[in-house]
Structures are given as structure tokens and as C-alpha cells.
């Protein structure tokens, strides 16, 4: 009986690992594509592990684009405001909820 339990746990673990790898592969692919040079992005067959790593895309599109820095600042302002508002509202609600329990 104990052996059957471990076999079912092993099968469940293998299925969970496979599905996790399946769902995380697009994230991996986006990241590796962002650090490849433009010439190797469309290579046939595709490179799963980049051989020539470069940060050219980040320097060209983030550091040399003032509009993107403004957009990033706007995102920081919205995220910071949301954080402060959530903390201001959640703390009293959590305190009141504690008294109800």
C-alpha cells in the first residue's frame, strides 16, 4: 500500500513539473529572445540557449528612449499610490476584523 502511494505521488510530481515547464517556457523564450542579437532571433533552427548574449535591446530601448523613462515614472507613481492607499485602508479594516473574531 505504501509503495502505491509513493508511485502516485511520483506521477503527480512528474505531471506538475511538466505542466510548470510548459507554462513557464514562453517566459523563458521572451527573456532569451531579449538578450539575443537581432541576427540570431530568426535563426533556423531556433537557439534554445543563446550562444551570444547581448544587452543591446535594453540599452537601445530603455536607456536611450526618454519617452519610456517617462512611462516608467508614471507606472512607479501609480504603483506607489496604490500601495499607500491599500495600506491606509487595509490596516484599519484588519484591526476591526481582528475584534470580530
PDB file of N, CA and C in Angstrom:
ATOM      1  N   UNK A   1       0.819  -1.195   0.000  1.00  0.00           N
ATOM      2  CA  UNK A   1       0.000   0.000   0.000  1.00  0.00           C
ATOM      3  C   UNK A   1       0.862   1.256   0.000  1.00  0.00           C
ATOM      4  N   UNK A   2       1.926   1.219   0.800  1.00  0.00           N
ATOM      5  CA  UNK A   2       2.813   2.375   0.887  1.00  0.00           C
ATOM      6  C   UNK A   2       3.522   2.618  -0.441  1.00  0.00           C
ATOM      7  N   UNK A   3       3.903   1.558  -1.134  1.00  0.00           N
ATOM      8  CA  UNK A   3       4.576   1.669  -2.420  1.00  0.00           C
ATOM      9  C   UNK A   3       3.659   2.315  -3.451  1.00  0.00           C
ATOM     10  N   UNK A   4       2.386   1.960  -3.418  1.00  0.00           N
ATOM     11  CA  UNK A   4       1.427   2.538  -4.366  1.00  0.00           C
ATOM     12  C   UNK A   4       1.248   4.036  -4.116  1.00  0.00           C
ATOM     13  N   UNK A   5       1.263   4.436  -2.842  1.00  0.00           N
ATOM     14  CA  UNK A   5       1.166   5.863  -2.506  1.00  0.00           C
ATOM     15  C   UNK A   5       2.335   6.642  -3.094  1.00  0.00           C
ATOM     16  N   UNK A   6       3.544   6.107  -2.950  1.00  0.00           N
ATOM     17  CA  UNK A   6       4.722   6.795  -3.469  1.00  0.00           C
ATOM     18  C   UNK A   6       4.707   6.841  -4.991  1.00  0.00           C
ATOM     19  N   UNK A   7       4.172   5.801  -5.627  1.00  0.00           N
ATOM     20  CA  UNK A   7       4.075   5.812  -7.081  1.00  0.00           C
ATOM     21  C   UNK A   7       3.097   6.884  -7.547  1.00  0.00           C
ATOM     22  N   UNK A   8       1.965   7.016  -6.870  1.00  0.00           N
ATOM     23  CA  UNK A   8       1.005   8.043  -7.260  1.00  0.00           C
ATOM     24  C   UNK A   8       1.563   9.438  -6.999  1.00  0.00           C
ATOM     25  N   UNK A   9       2.307   9.603  -5.922  1.00  0.00           N
ATOM     26  CA  UNK A   9       2.955  10.887  -5.639  1.00  0.00           C
ATOM     27  C   UNK A   9       3.994  11.208  -6.703  1.00  0.00           C
ATOM     28  N   UNK A  10       4.733  10.204  -7.144  1.00  0.00           N
ATOM     29  CA  UNK A  10       5.745  10.424  -8.175  1.00  0.00           C
ATOM     30  C   UNK A  10       5.108  10.832  -9.497  1.00  0.00           C
ATOM     31  N   UNK A  11       4.018  10.181  -9.852  1.00  0.00           N
ATOM     32  CA  UNK A  11       3.324  10.524 -11.093  1.00  0.00           C
ATOM     33  C   UNK A  11       2.774  11.939 -11.002  1.00  0.00           C
ATOM     34  N   UNK A  12       2.199  12.291  -9.867  1.00  0.00           N
ATOM     35  CA  UNK A  12       1.664  13.644  -9.687  1.00  0.00           C
ATOM     36  C   UNK A  12       2.778  14.681  -9.759  1.00  0.00           C
ATOM     37  N   UNK A  13       3.918  14.373  -9.178  1.00  0.00           N
ATOM     38  CA  UNK A  13       5.051  15.302  -9.220  1.00  0.00           C
ATOM     39  C   UNK A  13       5.565  15.483 -10.639  1.00  0.00           C
ATOM     40  N   UNK A  14       5.655  14.405 -11.390  1.00  0.00           N
ATOM     41  CA  UNK A  14       6.124  14.488 -12.779  1.00  0.00           C
ATOM     42  C   UNK A  14       5.142  15.306 -13.615  1.00  0.00           C
ATOM     43  N   UNK A  15       3.843  15.089 -13.429  1.00  0.00           N
ATOM     44  CA  UNK A  15       2.842  15.866 -14.165  1.00  0.00           C
ATOM     45  C   UNK A  15       2.920  17.340 -13.788  1.00  0.00           C
ATOM     46  N   UNK A  16       3.091  17.626 -12.504  1.00  0.00           N
ATOM     47  CA  UNK A  16       3.186  19.017 -12.057  1.00  0.00           C
ATOM     48  C   UNK A  16       4.431  19.692 -12.615  1.00  0.00           C
ATOM     49  N   UNK A  17       5.558  19.001 -12.621  1.00  0.00           N
ATOM     50  CA  UNK A  17       6.785  19.579 -13.172  1.00  0.00           C
ATOM     51  C   UNK A  17       6.660  19.822 -14.677  1.00  0.00           C
ATOM     52  N   UNK A  18       6.065  18.883 -15.388  1.00  0.00           N
ATOM     53  CA  UNK A  18       5.884  19.042 -16.834  1.00  0.00           C
ATOM     54  C   UNK A  18       4.964  20.223 -17.147  1.00  0.00           C
ATOM     55  N   UNK A  19       3.853  20.330 -16.416  1.00  0.00           N
ATOM     56  CA  UNK A  19       2.934  21.441 -16.683  1.00  0.00           C
ATOM     57  C   UNK A  19       3.554  22.775 -16.294  1.00  0.00           C
ATOM     58  N   UNK A  20       4.354  22.806 -15.236  1.00  0.00           N
ATOM     59  CA  UNK A  20       5.040  24.040 -14.859  1.00  0.00           C
ATOM     60  C   UNK A  20       6.032  24.455 -15.933  1.00  0.00           C
ATOM     61  N   UNK A  21       6.788  23.502 -16.443  1.00  0.00           N
ATOM     62  CA  UNK A  21       7.737  23.821 -17.518  1.00  0.00           C
ATOM     63  C   UNK A  21       6.997  24.276 -18.772  1.00  0.00           C
ATOM     64  N   UNK A  22       5.871  23.676 -19.045  1.00  0.00           N
ATOM     65  CA  UNK A  22       5.079  24.048 -20.218  1.00  0.00           C
ATOM     66  C   UNK A  22       4.579  25.484 -20.110  1.00  0.00           C
ATOM     67  N   UNK A  23       4.106  25.877 -18.942  1.00  0.00           N
ATOM     68  CA  UNK A  23       3.580  27.223 -18.761  1.00  0.00           C
ATOM     69  C   UNK A  23       4.678  28.274 -18.624  1.00  0.00           C
ATOM     70  N   UNK A  24       5.857  27.897 -18.124  1.00  0.00           N
ATOM     71  CA  UNK A  24       6.938  28.859 -17.970  1.00  0.00           C
ATOM     72  C   UNK A  24       7.822  28.989 -19.204  1.00  0.00           C
ATOM     73  N   UNK A  25       7.676  28.097 -20.169  1.00  0.00           N
ATOM     74  CA  UNK A  25       8.501  28.172 -21.366  1.00  0.00           C
ATOM     75  C   UNK A  25       8.338  29.486 -22.133  1.00  0.00           C
ATOM     76  N   UNK A  26       7.128  30.031 -22.314  1.00  0.00           N
ATOM     77  CA  UNK A  26       7.031  31.326 -23.010  1.00  0.00           C
ATOM     78  C   UNK A  26       7.779  32.458 -22.299  1.00  0.00           C
ATOM     79  N   UNK A  27       7.792  32.437 -20.977  1.00  0.00           N
ATOM     80  CA  UNK A  27       8.532  33.457 -20.234  1.00  0.00           C
ATOM     81  C   UNK A  27      10.028  33.298 -20.489  1.00  0.00           C
ATOM     82  N   UNK A  28      10.497  32.056 -20.461  1.00  0.00           N
ATOM     83  CA  UNK A  28      11.902  31.781 -20.764  1.00  0.00           C
ATOM     84  C   UNK A  28      12.245  32.227 -22.189  1.00  0.00           C
ATOM     85  N   UNK A  29      11.356  31.925 -23.131  1.00  0.00           N
ATOM     86  CA  UNK A  29      11.600  32.275 -24.527  1.00  0.00           C
ATOM     87  C   UNK A  29      11.662  33.796 -24.720  1.00  0.00           C
ATOM     88  N   UNK A  30      10.779  34.531 -24.052  1.00  0.00           N
ATOM     89  CA  UNK A  30      10.808  36.002 -24.158  1.00  0.00           C
ATOM     90  C   UNK A  30      12.108  36.555 -23.595  1.00  0.00           C
ATOM     91  N   UNK A  31      12.533  36.031 -22.454  1.00  0.00           N
ATOM     92  CA  UNK A  31      13.762  36.536 -21.855  1.00  0.00           C
ATOM     93  C   UNK A  31      14.979  36.230 -22.731  1.00  0.00           C
ATOM     94  N   UNK A  32      15.083  34.986 -23.207  1.00  0.00           N
ATOM     95  CA  UNK A  32      16.247  34.654 -24.035  1.00  0.00           C
ATOM     96  C   UNK A  32      16.229  35.400 -25.359  1.00  0.00           C
ATOM     97  N   UNK A  33      15.052  35.666 -25.900  1.00  0.00           N
ATOM     98  CA  UNK A  33      14.975  36.458 -27.128  1.00  0.00           C
ATOM     99  C   UNK A  33      15.414  37.887 -26.873  1.00  0.00           C
ATOM    100  N   UNK A  34      15.142  38.405 -25.693  1.00  0.00           N
ATOM    101  CA  UNK A  34      15.528  39.791 -25.399  1.00  0.00           C
ATOM    102  C   UNK A  34      17.029  39.959 -25.230  1.00  0.00           C
ATOM    103  N   UNK A  35      17.757  38.876 -24.932  1.00  0.00           N
ATOM    104  CA  UNK A  35      19.203  39.014 -24.755  1.00  0.00           C
ATOM    105  C   UNK A  35      19.996  38.480 -25.942  1.00  0.00           C
ATOM    106  N   UNK A  36      19.296  38.072 -27.016  1.00  0.00           N
ATOM    107  CA  UNK A  36      19.979  37.612 -28.227  1.00  0.00           C
ATOM    108  C   UNK A  36      20.207  38.797 -29.166  1.00  0.00           C
ATOM    109  N   UNK A  37      21.253  38.743 -29.980  1.00  0.00           N
ATOM    110  CA  UNK A  37      21.383  39.751 -31.038  1.00  0.00           C
ATOM    111  C   UNK A  37      20.298  39.543 -32.091  1.00  0.00           C
ATOM    112  N   UNK A  38      19.973  40.599 -32.812  1.00  0.00           N
ATOM    113  CA  UNK A  38      18.891  40.546 -33.783  1.00  0.00           C
ATOM    114  C   UNK A  38      19.116  39.468 -34.845  1.00  0.00           C
ATOM    115  N   UNK A  39      20.349  39.199 -35.186  1.00  0.00           N
ATOM    116  CA  UNK A  39      20.633  38.214 -36.232  1.00  0.00           C
ATOM    117  C   UNK A  39      20.295  36.789 -35.809  1.00  0.00           C
ATOM    118  N   UNK A  40      20.362  36.490 -34.525  1.00  0.00           N
ATOM    119  CA  UNK A  40      20.092  35.119 -34.099  1.00  0.00           C
ATOM    120  C   UNK A  40      18.657  34.912 -33.619  1.00  0.00           C
ATOM    121  N   UNK A  41      17.849  35.951 -33.638  1.00  0.00           N
ATOM    122  CA  UNK A  41      16.453  35.776 -33.214  1.00  0.00           C
ATOM    123  C   UNK A  41      15.695  34.917 -34.215  1.00  0.00           C
ATOM    124  N   UNK A  42      15.947  35.156 -35.498  1.00  0.00           N
ATOM    125  CA  UNK A  42      15.218  34.429 -36.541  1.00  0.00           C
ATOM    126  C   UNK A  42      16.034  33.296 -37.151  1.00  0.00           C
ATOM    127  N   UNK A  43      17.004  32.779 -36.422  1.00  0.00           N
ATOM    128  CA  UNK A  43      17.840  31.702 -36.966  1.00  0.00           C
ATOM    129  C   UNK A  43      17.053  30.389 -37.039  1.00  0.00           C
ATOM    130  N   UNK A  44      17.421  29.582 -38.016  1.00  0.00           N
ATOM    131  CA  UNK A  44      16.797  28.276 -38.201  1.00  0.00           C
ATOM    132  C   UNK A  44      17.880  27.230 -38.092  1.00  0.00           C
ATOM    133  N   UNK A  45      17.791  26.290 -37.200  1.00  0.00           N
ATOM    134  CA  UNK A  45      16.787  26.072 -36.167  1.00  0.00           C
ATOM    135  C   UNK A  45      16.952  27.080 -35.032  1.00  0.00           C
ATOM    136  N   UNK A  46      15.902  27.337 -34.291  1.00  0.00           N
ATOM    137  CA  UNK A  46      15.998  28.330 -33.209  1.00  0.00           C
ATOM    138  C   UNK A  46      16.943  27.867 -32.095  1.00  0.00           C
ATOM    139  N   UNK A  47      17.617  28.823 -31.509  1.00  0.00           N
ATOM    140  CA  UNK A  47      18.530  28.524 -30.392  1.00  0.00           C
ATOM    141  C   UNK A  47      17.739  28.546 -29.084  1.00  0.00           C
ATOM    142  N   UNK A  48      17.697  27.426 -28.382  1.00  0.00           N
ATOM    143  CA  UNK A  48      17.023  27.405 -27.088  1.00  0.00           C
ATOM    144  C   UNK A  48      17.884  28.061 -26.009  1.00  0.00           C
ATOM    145  N   UNK A  49      19.194  27.887 -26.128  1.00  0.00           N
ATOM    146  CA  UNK A  49      20.136  28.521 -25.207  1.00  0.00           C
ATOM    147  C   UNK A  49      20.972  29.487 -26.034  1.00  0.00           C
ATOM    148  N   UNK A  50      20.889  30.793 -25.754  1.00  0.00           N
ATOM    149  CA  UNK A  50      21.625  31.751 -26.575  1.00  0.00           C
ATOM    150  C   UNK A  50      23.135  31.585 -26.436  1.00  0.00           C
ATOM    151  N   UNK A  51      23.809  31.614 -27.574  1.00  0.00           N
ATOM    152  CA  UNK A  51      25.264  31.475 -27.551  1.00  0.00           C
ATOM    153  C   UNK A  51      25.955  32.830 -27.454  1.00  0.00           C
ATOM    154  N   UNK A  52      25.329  33.860 -27.991  1.00  0.00           N
ATOM    155  CA  UNK A  52      25.895  35.201 -27.953  1.00  0.00           C
ATOM    156  C   UNK A  52      24.926  36.106 -27.196  1.00  0.00           C
ATOM    157  N   UNK A  53      25.262  36.431 -25.964  1.00  0.00           N
ATOM    158  CA  UNK A  53      24.383  37.223 -25.111  1.00  0.00           C
ATOM    159  C   UNK A  53      24.756  38.690 -25.237  1.00  0.00           C
ATOM    160  N   UNK A  54      23.730  39.544 -25.405  1.00  0.00           N
ATOM    161  CA  UNK A  54      23.951  40.974 -25.514  1.00  0.00           C
ATOM    162  C   UNK A  54      22.815  41.722 -24.819  1.00  0.00           C
ATOM    163  N   UNK A  55      23.105  42.893 -24.326  1.00  0.00           N
ATOM    164  CA  UNK A  55      22.087  43.737 -23.693  1.00  0.00           C
ATOM    165  C   UNK A  55      21.730  44.911 -24.598  1.00  0.00           C
ATOM    166  N   UNK A  56      21.975  44.766 -25.877  1.00  0.00           N
ATOM    167  CA  UNK A  56      21.744  45.849 -26.835  1.00  0.00           C
ATOM    168  C   UNK A  56      20.288  46.303 -26.856  1.00  0.00           C
ATOM    169  N   UNK A  57      19.366  45.378 -26.788  1.00  0.00           N
ATOM    170  CA  UNK A  57      17.946  45.731 -26.825  1.00  0.00           C
ATOM    171  C   UNK A  57      17.566  46.589 -25.623  1.00  0.00           C
ATOM    172  N   UNK A  58      18.126  46.278 -24.473  1.00  0.00           N
ATOM    173  CA  UNK A  58      17.800  47.054 -23.274  1.00  0.00           C
ATOM    174  C   UNK A  58      18.418  48.447 -23.330  1.00  0.00           C
ATOM    175  N   UNK A  59      19.660  48.550 -23.776  1.00  0.00           N
ATOM    176  CA  UNK A  59      20.291  49.865 -23.825  1.00  0.00           C
ATOM    177  C   UNK A  59      19.646  50.753 -24.887  1.00  0.00           C
ATOM    178  N   UNK A  60      19.298  50.171 -26.028  1.00  0.00           N
ATOM    179  CA  UNK A  60      18.693  50.970 -27.097  1.00  0.00           C
ATOM    180  C   UNK A  60      17.281  51.410 -26.748  1.00  0.00           C
ATOM    181  N   UNK A  61      16.490  50.530 -26.190  1.00  0.00           N
ATOM    182  CA  UNK A  61      15.080  50.820 -25.996  1.00  0.00           C
ATOM    183  C   UNK A  61      14.737  51.428 -24.647  1.00  0.00           C
ATOM    184  N   UNK A  62      15.539  51.201 -23.652  1.00  0.00           N
ATOM    185  CA  UNK A  62      15.205  51.725 -22.321  1.00  0.00           C
ATOM    186  C   UNK A  62      16.044  52.948 -21.981  1.00  0.00           C
ATOM    187  N   UNK A  63      17.341  52.829 -22.075  1.00  0.00           N
ATOM    188  CA  UNK A  63      18.201  53.919 -21.633  1.00  0.00           C
ATOM    189  C   UNK A  63      18.238  55.095 -22.611  1.00  0.00           C
ATOM    190  N   UNK A  64      18.081  54.820 -23.894  1.00  0.00           N
ATOM    191  CA  UNK A  64      18.176  55.895 -24.883  1.00  0.00           C
ATOM    192  C   UNK A  64      16.817  56.406 -25.344  1.00  0.00           C
ATOM    193  N   UNK A  65      15.755  56.020 -24.689  1.00  0.00           N
ATOM    194  CA  UNK A  65      14.419  56.455 -25.066  1.00  0.00           C
ATOM    195  C   UNK A  65      13.800  57.225 -23.895  1.00  0.00           C
ATOM    196  N   UNK A  66      13.779  58.561 -23.983  1.00  0.00           N
ATOM    197  CA  UNK A  66      13.254  59.343 -22.853  1.00  0.00           C
ATOM    198  C   UNK A  66      11.753  59.146 -22.638  1.00  0.00           C
ATOM    199  N   UNK A  67      11.011  58.823 -23.689  1.00  0.00           N
ATOM    200  CA  UNK A  67       9.579  58.586 -23.508  1.00  0.00           C
ATOM    201  C   UNK A  67       9.330  57.378 -22.617  1.00  0.00           C
ATOM    202  N   UNK A  68      10.104  56.342 -22.791  1.00  0.00           N
ATOM    203  CA  UNK A  68       9.930  55.128 -21.998  1.00  0.00           C
ATOM    204  C   UNK A  68      10.258  55.384 -20.528  1.00  0.00           C
ATOM    205  N   UNK A  69      11.241  56.210 -20.271  1.00  0.00           N
ATOM    206  CA  UNK A  69      11.553  56.561 -18.882  1.00  0.00           C
ATOM    207  C   UNK A  69      10.392  57.312 -18.242  1.00  0.00           C
ATOM    208  N   UNK A  70       9.716  58.164 -19.009  1.00  0.00           N
ATOM    209  CA  UNK A  70       8.529  58.851 -18.503  1.00  0.00           C
ATOM    210  C   UNK A  70       7.399  57.876 -18.204  1.00  0.00           C
ATOM    211  N   UNK A  71       7.211  56.897 -19.087  1.00  0.00           N
ATOM    212  CA  UNK A  71       6.191  55.881 -18.849  1.00  0.00           C
ATOM    213  C   UNK A  71       6.514  55.074 -17.597  1.00  0.00           C
ATOM    214  N   UNK A  72       7.791  54.775 -17.398  1.00  0.00           N
ATOM    215  CA  UNK A  72       8.213  54.033 -16.218  1.00  0.00           C
ATOM    216  C   UNK A  72       7.943  54.837 -14.949  1.00  0.00           C
ATOM    217  N   UNK A  73       8.207  56.142 -14.998  1.00  0.00           N
ATOM    218  CA  UNK A  73       7.937  57.007 -13.851  1.00  0.00           C
ATOM    219  C   UNK A  73       6.441  57.040 -13.555  1.00  0.00           C
ATOM    220  N   UNK A  74       5.608  57.109 -14.589  1.00  0.00           N
ATOM    221  CA  UNK A  74       4.158  57.078 -14.384  1.00  0.00           C
ATOM    222  C   UNK A  74       3.735  55.779 -13.709  1.00  0.00           C
ATOM    223  N   UNK A  75       4.315  54.666 -14.116  1.00  0.00           N
ATOM    224  CA  UNK A  75       3.987  53.377 -13.502  1.00  0.00           C
ATOM    225  C   UNK A  75       4.405  53.344 -12.039  1.00  0.00           C
ATOM    226  N   UNK A  76       5.563  53.920 -11.726  1.00  0.00           N
ATOM    227  CA  UNK A  76       6.002  53.982 -10.329  1.00  0.00           C
ATOM    228  C   UNK A  76       5.063  54.831  -9.483  1.00  0.00           C
ATOM    229  N   UNK A  77       4.577  55.934 -10.035  1.00  0.00           N
ATOM    230  CA  UNK A  77       3.649  56.799  -9.295  1.00  0.00           C
ATOM    231  C   UNK A  77       2.339  56.065  -9.030  1.00  0.00           C
ATOM    232  N   UNK A  78       1.803  55.389 -10.037  1.00  0.00           N
ATOM    233  CA  UNK A  78       0.555  54.639  -9.857  1.00  0.00           C
ATOM    234  C   UNK A  78       0.749  53.502  -8.854  1.00  0.00           C
ATOM    235  N   UNK A  79       1.855  52.751  -8.967  1.00  0.00           N
ATOM    236  CA  UNK A  79       2.106  51.638  -8.050  1.00  0.00           C
ATOM    237  C   UNK A  79       2.304  52.142  -6.622  1.00  0.00           C
ATOM    238  N   UNK A  80       3.041  53.231  -6.460  1.00  0.00           N
ATOM    239  CA  UNK A  80       3.250  53.783  -5.125  1.00  0.00           C
ATOM    240  C   UNK A  80       1.963  54.292  -4.501  1.00  0.00           C
ATOM    241  N   UNK A  81       1.147  54.979  -5.300  1.00  0.00           N
ATOM    242  CA  UNK A  81      -0.144  55.463  -4.801  1.00  0.00           C
ATOM    243  C   UNK A  81      -1.055  54.314  -4.410  1.00  0.00           C
ATOM    244  N   UNK A  82      -1.077  53.276  -5.207  1.00  0.00           N
ATOM    245  CA  UNK A  82      -1.887  52.102  -4.889  1.00  0.00           C
ATOM    246  C   UNK A  82      -1.400  51.439  -3.610  1.00  0.00           C
ATOM    247  N   UNK A  83      -0.085  51.346  -3.440  1.00  0.00           N
ATOM    248  CA  UNK A  83       0.482  50.753  -2.228  1.00  0.00           C
ATOM    249  C   UNK A  83       0.075  51.543  -0.989  1.00  0.00           C
ATOM    250  N   UNK A  84       0.223  52.853  -1.045  1.00  0.00           N
ATOM    251  CA  UNK A  84      -0.107  53.696   0.115  1.00  0.00           C
ATOM    252  C   UNK A  84      -1.598  53.626   0.428  1.00  0.00           C
ATOM    253  N   UNK A  85      -2.439  53.717  -0.607  1.00  0.00           N
ATOM    254  CA  UNK A  85      -3.882  53.652  -0.393  1.00  0.00           C
ATOM    255  C   UNK A  85      -4.305  52.300   0.177  1.00  0.00           C
ATOM    256  N   UNK A  86      -3.717  51.232  -0.305  1.00  0.00           N
ATOM    257  CA  UNK A  86      -4.041  49.899   0.207  1.00  0.00           C
ATOM    258  C   UNK A  86      -3.641  49.769   1.669  1.00  0.00           C
ATOM    259  N   UNK A  87      -2.451  50.256   2.007  1.00  0.00           N
ATOM    260  CA  UNK A  87      -2.021  50.177   3.410  1.00  0.00           C
ATOM    261  C   UNK A  87      -2.900  51.031   4.316  1.00  0.00           C
ATOM    262  N   UNK A  88      -3.298  52.210   3.855  1.00  0.00           N
ATOM    263  CA  UNK A  88      -4.144  53.080   4.675  1.00  0.00           C
ATOM    264  C   UNK A  88      -5.532  52.486   4.900  1.00  0.00           C
ATOM    265  N   UNK A  89      -6.048  51.783   3.905  1.00  0.00           N
ATOM    266  CA  UNK A  89      -7.374  51.191   4.056  1.00  0.00           C
ATOM    267  C   UNK A  89      -7.339  49.811   4.699  1.00  0.00           C
ATOM    268  N   UNK A  90      -6.311  49.041   4.446  1.00  0.00           N
ATOM    269  CA  UNK A  90      -6.281  47.661   4.926  1.00  0.00           C
ATOM    270  C   UNK A  90      -5.960  47.568   6.411  1.00  0.00           C
ATOM    271  N   UNK A  91      -5.125  48.448   6.918  1.00  0.00           N
ATOM    272  CA  UNK A  91      -4.741  48.356   8.331  1.00  0.00           C
ATOM    273  C   UNK A  91      -5.943  48.547   9.262  1.00  0.00           C
ATOM    274  N   UNK A  92      -6.759  49.583   9.091  1.00  0.00           N
ATOM    275  CA  UNK A  92      -7.933  49.694   9.980  1.00  0.00           C
ATOM    276  C   UNK A  92      -8.943  48.562   9.796  1.00  0.00           C
ATOM    277  N   UNK A  93      -9.105  48.102   8.570  1.00  0.00           N
ATOM    278  CA  UNK A  93     -10.042  47.000   8.338  1.00  0.00           C
ATOM    279  C   UNK A  93      -9.531  45.729   9.006  1.00  0.00           C
ATOM    280  N   UNK A  94      -8.246  45.462   8.937  1.00  0.00           N
ATOM    281  CA  UNK A  94      -7.683  44.278   9.586  1.00  0.00           C
ATOM    282  C   UNK A  94      -7.813  44.377  11.103  1.00  0.00           C
ATOM    283  N   UNK A  95      -7.640  45.573  11.647  1.00  0.00           N
ATOM    284  CA  UNK A  95      -7.777  45.764  13.089  1.00  0.00           C
ATOM    285  C   UNK A  95      -9.218  45.523  13.519  1.00  0.00           C
ATOM    286  N   UNK A  96     -10.172  46.047  12.741  1.00  0.00           N
ATOM    287  CA  UNK A  96     -11.586  45.844  13.071  1.00  0.00           C
ATOM    288  C   UNK A  96     -11.964  44.378  12.895  1.00  0.00           C
ATOM    289  N   UNK A  97     -11.436  43.726  11.903  1.00  0.00           N
ATOM    290  CA  UNK A  97     -11.747  42.318  11.662  1.00  0.00           C
ATOM    291  C   UNK A  97     -11.228  41.446  12.814  1.00  0.00           C
ATOM    292  N   UNK A  98     -10.077  41.838  13.383  1.00  0.00           N
ATOM    293  CA  UNK A  98      -9.500  41.073  14.479  1.00  0.00           C
ATOM    294  C   UNK A  98     -10.426  41.120  15.693  1.00  0.00           C
ATOM    295  N   UNK A  99     -11.102  42.259  15.926  1.00  0.00           N
ATOM    296  CA  UNK A  99     -12.007  42.355  17.055  1.00  0.00           C
ATOM    297  C   UNK A  99     -13.267  41.519  16.862  1.00  0.00           C
ATOM    298  N   UNK A 100     -13.627  41.249  15.599  1.00  0.00           N
ATOM    299  CA  UNK A 100     -14.823  40.456  15.337  1.00  0.00           C
ATOM    300  C   UNK A 100     -14.593  38.968  15.566  1.00  0.00           C
ATOM    301  N   UNK A 101     -13.352  38.546  15.470  1.00  0.00           N
ATOM    302  CA  UNK A 101     -13.059  37.110  15.589  1.00  0.00           C
ATOM    303  C   UNK A 101     -12.982  36.675  17.030  1.00  0.00           C
TER     304      UNK A 101
END
